[in-house]
């Protein structure tokens, strides 16, 4: 390893550690809610769900429905 690269690796490693810590904190604040679809009886709904940003759509629907 060259002398030039020795100074770069600790910075990259530190940046990766900070990113991992940020990601861990972000994930701690998230909750996943599972939705199931019967592939035979609800295939039409499943296709729609696959074609949109389903998570954002659900959030928008909840906000609209329960807006105060």
Foldseek 3Di string as FASTA:
>chain_A
DDPVCVVVVVVVVVVVVVVVVVVVVVVVPDDDDDDDDDCVPGVVVVVVCVVDVNVVVVVVVVCVVPPD
